[in-house]
Amino acid sequence: MPSVRLVTPEALRTAAARIAGEIVATPTVASPGLTALLGVPVTLKLEQLQRSGSFKFRGALAKLLTLDEAERAAGVVAVSGGNHGTALADAAGSLGIAATVVMSEAAPQRSIDACRAAGAEVRLTPDMADAFALLDDLVAEGRTLVHPFDDPVVVAGQGTVGLEFAAAAPDLTDVLVSIGGGGLIAGVAVAFRELDPRVRIWGVETEGADAMSRALAAGGPVDFRPTSIVTTLSAPHVSSLTYEHVRELVEDVIVVSDDEAVAGAITLAEQAGVWAEPAAGCLIPAARTVLDRVGPDARLGLVICGGNATVAALAR
């Protein structure tokens, strides 16, 4: 039995109703280019077209809409590798809630600028481990926490990606999802377990941003200092909540190199016409590993988690 309660399909449906009309029901499209490249049918869920440029807006908005007046008045705070902060700043700004976003100095400048443009205060720290420490201090001072992954409401919001994907692509056999702290894959796994339990869910991380792989090896979440250049996946730990979802519902977690993730982002642009972050590019090399394991009859689904990368950053 898991030590924490898994998010329920009913919670996902509640979140979907709560955020309906404020999010983009992003397209689910076949990719002829990736199908030719990988040799099996490939379908993409294009969350880089979501408001704020990633799936994170779903969970941030779902959480903010559950806050009471006192929690809103206190202002909200979040830690982020880039996308969660951008999403929270956008959602909080639209609701008139003061927001503080804590990020490492390595966070994409585009994300820092977007947070400030939306009216949020940005606090920068040397790395993500220090960012989480500062977050704890700010919560202790009274700000309302909107955690990027250790919150069932946020996980349910992210899981609405899976509800849409499963409904729009009912013939998939394997779905690949990037992992930072694990909120997206937790929610997507719940959605597919409910709507099509035959589908295998695979997590993907980069070396040096492999918090979930470390947790699975250790039997629970462990702290470490991320070294991957893929900052949007660089959580210094997962949570017990997301760990239990992956342990219970996910087939395996595949780890690829930073170089492979960047090359995968270029492949997505060249073969699928999709501009995406290396956090999504890592799915391409992982897809080859999945096909080696499951065989040529697979029908792959890839969740393109975000597109907040600049040409200059990808070139570097």
Protein backbone atom coordinates (compact mmCIF):
# COMPACT_ATOMS: atom_id res chain seq x y z
CA MET A 1 0.00 0.00 0.00
CA PRO A 2 1.32 3.47 -0.80
CA SER A 3 2.25 5.66 2.18
CA VAL A 4 0.33 8.62 0.69
CA ARG A 5 -3.01 8.74 -1.05
CA LEU A 6 -2.89 8.87 -4.82
CA VAL A 7 -4.76 11.64 -6.60
CA THR A 8 -8.11 10.35 -7.81
CA PRO A 9 -9.62 10.56 -11.28
CA GLU A 10 -12.45 12.53 -9.68
CA ALA A 11 -9.92 15.15 -8.55
CA LEU A 12 -8.69 15.47 -12.14
CA ARG A 13 -12.22 15.98 -13.40
CA THR A 14 -12.87 18.59 -10.70
CA ALA A 15 -9.71 20.43 -11.71
CA ALA A 16 -10.70 20.26 -15.37
CA ALA A 17 -14.07 21.86 -14.61
CA ARG A 18 -12.44 24.50 -12.40
CA ILE A 19 -9.95 25.72 -15.01
CA ALA A 20 -12.13 25.27 -18.09
CA GLY A 21 -12.32 28.42 -20.17
CA GLU A 22 -9.08 29.81 -18.76
CA ILE A 23 -6.65 27.27 -20.23
CA VAL A 24 -5.95 26.20 -23.79
CA ALA A 25 -7.19 22.71 -24.66
CA THR A 26 -3.95 22.12 -26.51
CA PRO A 27 -3.86 20.19 -29.79
CA THR A 28 -3.19 16.48 -30.03
CA VAL A 29 -1.62 15.82 -33.43
CA ALA A 30 -0.02 13.00 -35.34
CA SER A 31 3.59 13.63 -36.36
CA PRO A 32 4.40 12.20 -39.79
CA GLY A 33 8.01 13.33 -39.42
CA LEU A 34 8.61 11.54 -36.13
CA THR A 35 6.65 8.55 -37.36
CA ALA A 36 9.05 8.23 -40.28
CA LEU A 37 12.05 8.80 -38.03
CA LEU A 38 11.11 6.28 -35.33
CA GLY A 39 9.29 3.78 -37.51
CA VAL A 40 6.08 3.67 -35.44
CA PRO A 41 3.06 6.00 -35.20
CA VAL A 42 3.84 9.03 -33.01
CA THR A 43 1.26 11.42 -31.57
CA LEU A 44 2.11 14.68 -29.80
CA LYS A 45 0.29 16.59 -27.05
CA LEU A 46 1.38 20.17 -27.68
CA GLU A 47 1.54 21.77 -24.24
CA GLN A 48 4.10 24.30 -25.43
CA LEU A 49 1.03 26.07 -26.84
CA GLN A 50 -0.47 26.38 -23.36
CA ARG A 51 -0.84 29.76 -21.72
CA SER A 52 2.58 30.80 -20.30
CA GLY A 53 4.23 28.31 -22.66
CA SER A 54 3.93 25.10 -20.65
CA PHE A 55 1.58 22.70 -18.89
CA LYS A 56 2.40 24.42 -15.57
CA PHE A 57 -0.35 26.99 -16.00
CA ARG A 58 -2.96 24.27 -15.43
CA GLY A 59 -1.77 23.32 -11.97
CA ALA A 60 -0.97 26.85 -10.85
CA LEU A 61 -4.41 28.13 -11.81
CA ALA A 62 -6.17 25.11 -10.30
CA LYS A 63 -4.43 25.79 -6.99
CA LEU A 64 -5.03 29.54 -6.95
CA LEU A 65 -8.74 29.05 -7.56
CA THR A 66 -9.00 26.98 -4.35
CA LEU A 67 -7.43 29.61 -2.06
CA ASP A 68 -9.55 31.44 0.51
CA GLU A 69 -9.48 35.20 0.99
CA ALA A 70 -6.82 35.11 3.71
CA GLU A 71 -4.53 32.92 1.62
CA ARG A 72 -4.89 35.25 -1.35
CA ALA A 73 -4.32 38.33 0.77
CA ALA A 74 -1.07 36.88 2.14
CA GLY A 75 0.33 36.61 -1.38
CA VAL A 76 1.58 33.44 -2.97
CA VAL A 77 5.10 32.09 -3.36
CA ALA A 78 6.64 29.35 -5.48
CA VAL A 79 10.01 27.90 -6.35
CA SER A 80 10.68 27.21 -10.00
CA GLY A 81 13.20 26.18 -12.60
CA GLY A 82 11.38 28.60 -14.90
CA ASN A 83 8.02 27.34 -16.09
CA HIS A 84 6.12 26.99 -12.81
CA GLY A 85 7.13 30.50 -11.83
CA THR A 86 6.07 31.92 -15.18
CA ALA A 87 2.74 30.13 -14.92
CA LEU A 88 2.12 31.24 -11.34
CA ALA A 89 3.00 34.84 -12.15
CA ASP A 90 0.57 34.82 -15.08
CA ALA A 91 -2.25 33.16 -13.15
CA ALA A 92 -1.76 35.26 -10.02
CA GLY A 93 -1.58 38.46 -12.04
CA SER A 94 -4.86 37.68 -13.76
CA LEU A 95 -6.51 37.12 -10.37
CA GLY A 96 -5.02 40.17 -8.66
CA ILE A 97 -2.89 38.13 -6.24
CA ALA A 98 0.61 39.25 -5.28
CA ALA A 99 3.21 36.60 -6.22
CA THR A 100 6.85 35.92 -5.36
CA VAL A 101 8.85 33.49 -7.48
CA VAL A 102 12.14 31.98 -6.27
CA MET A 103 14.49 30.74 -9.00
CA SER A 104 18.14 29.89 -9.35
CA GLU A 105 20.48 32.24 -11.17
CA ALA A 106 20.72 29.60 -13.91
CA ALA A 107 17.02 29.91 -14.73
CA PRO A 108 16.27 31.05 -18.29
CA GLN A 109 16.34 34.84 -18.55
CA ARG A 110 13.18 34.62 -20.61
CA SER A 111 11.37 33.07 -17.63
CA ILE A 112 12.73 35.65 -15.19
CA ASP A 113 11.62 38.47 -17.48
CA ALA A 114 8.18 36.92 -17.98
CA CYS A 115 7.62 36.63 -14.23
CA ARG A 116 8.50 40.27 -13.69
CA ALA A 117 6.40 41.38 -16.65
CA ALA A 118 3.39 39.65 -15.10
CA GLY A 119 3.93 41.62 -11.88
CA ALA A 120 5.64 39.00 -9.73
CA GLU A 121 8.62 39.64 -7.46
CA VAL A 122 11.56 37.42 -8.47
CA ARG A 123 14.12 36.22 -5.92
CA LEU A 124 17.27 34.59 -7.33
CA THR A 125 19.53 32.12 -5.51
CA PRO A 126 22.80 30.40 -6.48
CA ASP A 127 21.13 27.06 -7.24
CA MET A 128 17.86 25.16 -6.89
CA ALA A 129 18.72 23.65 -3.51
CA ASP A 130 19.13 27.18 -2.15
CA ALA A 131 15.92 28.20 -3.90
CA PHE A 132 13.94 25.55 -2.03
CA ALA A 133 15.55 26.68 1.24
CA LEU A 134 14.52 30.30 0.61
CA LEU A 135 11.03 29.10 -0.28
CA ASP A 136 10.72 27.51 3.16
CA ASP A 137 11.74 30.79 4.77
CA LEU A 138 9.17 32.79 2.82
CA VAL A 139 6.40 30.33 3.67
CA ALA A 140 7.41 30.56 7.34
CA GLU A 141 7.01 34.34 7.06
CA GLY A 142 3.38 33.85 6.05
CA ARG A 143 3.19 33.66 2.27
CA THR A 144 0.88 31.05 0.76
CA LEU A 145 2.75 28.18 -0.86
CA VAL A 146 1.95 27.07 -4.39
CA HIS A 147 4.29 24.11 -4.67
CA PRO A 148 5.31 23.02 -8.18
CA PHE A 149 4.67 19.31 -7.50
CA ASP A 150 4.08 18.45 -3.84
CA ASP A 151 0.38 19.34 -3.83
CA PRO A 152 -2.54 17.09 -4.84
CA VAL A 153 -4.45 20.05 -6.32
CA VAL A 154 -1.51 21.00 -8.53
CA VAL A 155 -1.02 17.36 -9.59
CA ALA A 156 -4.72 17.15 -10.46
CA GLY A 157 -4.41 20.30 -12.55
CA GLN A 158 -1.44 18.88 -14.44
CA GLY A 159 -3.37 15.64 -14.88
CA THR A 160 -5.90 17.42 -17.07
CA VAL A 161 -3.21 17.10 -19.78
CA GLY A 162 -3.67 13.34 -19.54
CA LEU A 163 -7.46 13.54 -19.62
CA GLU A 164 -7.30 15.45 -22.89
CA PHE A 165 -4.57 13.26 -24.38
CA ALA A 166 -6.27 9.96 -23.56
CA ALA A 167 -9.58 11.17 -24.97
CA ALA A 168 -8.04 12.52 -28.18
CA ALA A 169 -5.68 9.59 -28.88
CA PRO A 170 -7.39 6.37 -27.80
CA ASP A 171 -5.05 4.00 -29.67
CA LEU A 172 -1.76 4.73 -27.88
CA THR A 173 0.28 1.95 -26.30
CA ASP A 174 3.05 3.99 -24.65
CA VAL A 175 3.16 7.59 -23.41
CA LEU A 176 6.40 9.40 -22.55
CA VAL A 177 6.43 12.25 -20.03
CA SER A 178 9.33 14.36 -18.80
CA ILE A 179 9.99 14.47 -15.05
CA GLY A 180 11.24 17.37 -12.98
CA GLY A 181 9.55 17.07 -9.61
CA GLY A 182 7.01 14.62 -10.99
CA GLY A 183 3.73 16.52 -10.90
CA LEU A 184 3.01 16.16 -14.61
CA ILE A 185 3.72 12.45 -14.87
CA ALA A 186 1.78 11.76 -11.68
CA GLY A 187 -1.34 13.44 -13.04
CA VAL A 188 -0.98 12.00 -16.54
CA ALA A 189 -0.53 8.50 -15.12
CA VAL A 190 -3.72 8.83 -13.06
CA ALA A 191 -5.63 9.97 -16.15
CA PHE A 192 -4.49 7.07 -18.32
CA ARG A 193 -5.00 4.51 -15.56
CA GLU A 194 -8.61 5.66 -15.44
CA LEU A 195 -9.33 6.09 -19.16
CA ASP A 196 -7.07 3.44 -20.74
CA PRO A 197 -5.16 1.29 -18.22
CA ARG A 198 -3.50 -0.69 -21.04
CA VAL A 199 -1.27 2.29 -21.85
CA ARG A 200 2.24 2.15 -20.40
CA ILE A 201 3.55 5.43 -18.96
CA TRP A 202 7.30 6.13 -19.15
CA GLY A 203 9.15 8.89 -17.34
CA VAL A 204 12.18 10.68 -18.79
CA GLU A 205 14.91 12.62 -16.99
CA THR A 206 18.32 14.03 -17.84
CA GLU A 207 21.57 13.11 -16.12
CA GLY A 208 22.03 15.48 -13.23
CA ALA A 209 18.30 16.18 -13.07
CA ASP A 210 17.35 12.62 -12.17
CA ALA A 211 15.58 13.13 -8.86
CA MET A 212 12.94 10.49 -9.54
CA SER A 213 15.46 7.85 -10.62
CA ARG A 214 17.42 8.49 -7.43
CA ALA A 215 14.23 8.19 -5.38
CA LEU A 216 13.29 4.90 -7.00
CA ALA A 217 16.78 3.52 -6.33
CA ALA A 218 16.69 4.67 -2.69
CA GLY A 219 13.12 3.63 -1.94
CA GLY A 220 11.96 7.21 -1.40
CA PRO A 221 12.78 10.86 -2.11
CA VAL A 222 16.38 11.96 -1.57
CA ASP A 223 18.03 15.37 -1.80
CA PHE A 224 20.83 16.16 -4.23
CA ARG A 225 22.21 19.16 -6.12
CA PRO A 226 21.17 19.07 -9.78
CA THR A 227 23.89 19.57 -12.38
CA SER A 228 21.94 19.24 -15.64
CA ILE A 229 21.79 22.21 -17.98
CA VAL A 230 18.07 21.43 -18.38
CA THR A 231 17.01 23.76 -15.59
CA THR A 232 13.28 23.22 -16.04
CA LEU A 233 13.75 19.59 -14.95
CA SER A 234 16.23 20.34 -12.16
CA ALA A 235 14.29 19.71 -8.96
CA PRO A 236 16.64 18.83 -6.05
CA HIS A 237 14.20 16.12 -4.95
CA VAL A 238 10.81 14.69 -5.74
CA SER A 239 8.04 14.48 -3.16
CA SER A 240 6.53 11.48 -1.46
CA LEU A 241 3.35 12.31 -3.37
CA THR A 242 4.91 12.16 -6.82
CA TYR A 243 7.23 9.29 -5.91
CA GLU A 244 4.30 7.08 -4.92
CA HIS A 245 2.47 7.84 -8.17
CA VAL A 246 5.51 6.89 -10.23
CA ARG A 247 6.22 3.79 -8.17
CA GLU A 248 2.62 2.64 -8.51
CA LEU A 249 1.64 3.75 -12.03
CA VAL A 250 4.75 4.25 -14.20
CA GLU A 251 6.49 1.54 -16.19
CA ASP A 252 10.02 2.90 -15.78
CA VAL A 253 12.07 6.10 -15.76
CA ILE A 254 14.67 6.55 -18.50
CA VAL A 255 17.65 8.88 -18.05
CA VAL A 256 19.33 10.55 -21.05
CA SER A 257 22.23 12.97 -21.34
CA ASP A 258 22.00 16.75 -21.68
CA ASP A 259 23.47 16.44 -25.16
CA GLU A 260 20.75 13.98 -26.14
CA ALA A 261 18.05 16.29 -24.76
CA VAL A 262 19.32 19.26 -26.76
CA ALA A 263 19.66 17.13 -29.88
CA GLY A 264 16.11 15.92 -29.28
CA ALA A 265 14.84 19.49 -29.16
CA ILE A 266 16.48 20.12 -32.53
CA THR A 267 14.92 16.90 -33.88
CA LEU A 268 11.48 18.07 -32.75
CA ALA A 269 12.01 21.32 -34.65
CA GLU A 270 13.37 19.71 -37.79
CA GLN A 271 11.21 16.57 -38.00
CA ALA A 272 7.98 17.61 -36.30
CA GLY A 273 7.91 21.38 -36.81
CA VAL A 274 7.68 21.83 -33.05
CA TRP A 275 9.71 24.37 -31.07
CA ALA A 276 10.24 22.86 -27.63
CA GLU A 277 12.57 22.97 -24.66
CA PRO A 278 15.29 20.36 -24.06
CA ALA A 279 12.97 19.26 -21.24
CA ALA A 280 10.75 17.93 -24.03
CA GLY A 281 13.62 17.10 -26.39
CA CYS A 282 14.74 14.39 -23.96
CA LEU A 283 11.68 12.37 -25.03
CA ILE A 284 13.20 11.63 -28.45
CA PRO A 285 16.20 9.53 -27.33
CA ALA A 286 14.01 7.96 -24.64
CA ALA A 287 11.49 6.94 -27.31
CA ARG A 288 14.18 4.86 -28.99
CA THR A 289 14.87 3.11 -25.68
CA VAL A 290 11.17 2.41 -25.19
CA LEU A 291 10.90 0.92 -28.67
CA ASP A 292 13.88 -1.33 -27.96
CA ARG A 293 11.99 -2.65 -24.95
CA VAL A 294 8.42 -2.96 -26.25
CA GLY A 295 8.93 -3.77 -29.92
CA PRO A 296 7.78 -2.40 -33.27
CA ASP A 297 4.02 -2.58 -32.67
CA ALA A 298 4.04 0.40 -30.31
CA ARG A 299 2.04 3.57 -30.87
CA LEU A 300 3.83 6.35 -29.04
CA GLY A 301 2.43 9.46 -27.39
CA LEU A 302 4.79 12.27 -26.38
CA VAL A 303 3.76 15.06 -24.02
CA ILE A 304 5.59 18.16 -25.27
CA CYS A 305 5.76 19.85 -21.89
CA GLY A 306 6.86 23.36 -22.86
CA GLY A 307 8.42 25.67 -25.39
CA ASN A 308 10.09 28.34 -23.27
CA ALA A 309 13.55 28.15 -24.83
CA THR A 310 15.27 30.80 -26.88
CA VAL A 311 17.28 30.13 -30.02
CA ALA A 312 20.35 31.59 -28.30
CA ALA A 313 19.98 29.31 -25.28
CA LEU A 314 19.56 26.22 -27.44
CA ALA A 315 22.58 27.21 -29.51
CA ARG A 316 24.70 27.55 -26.36
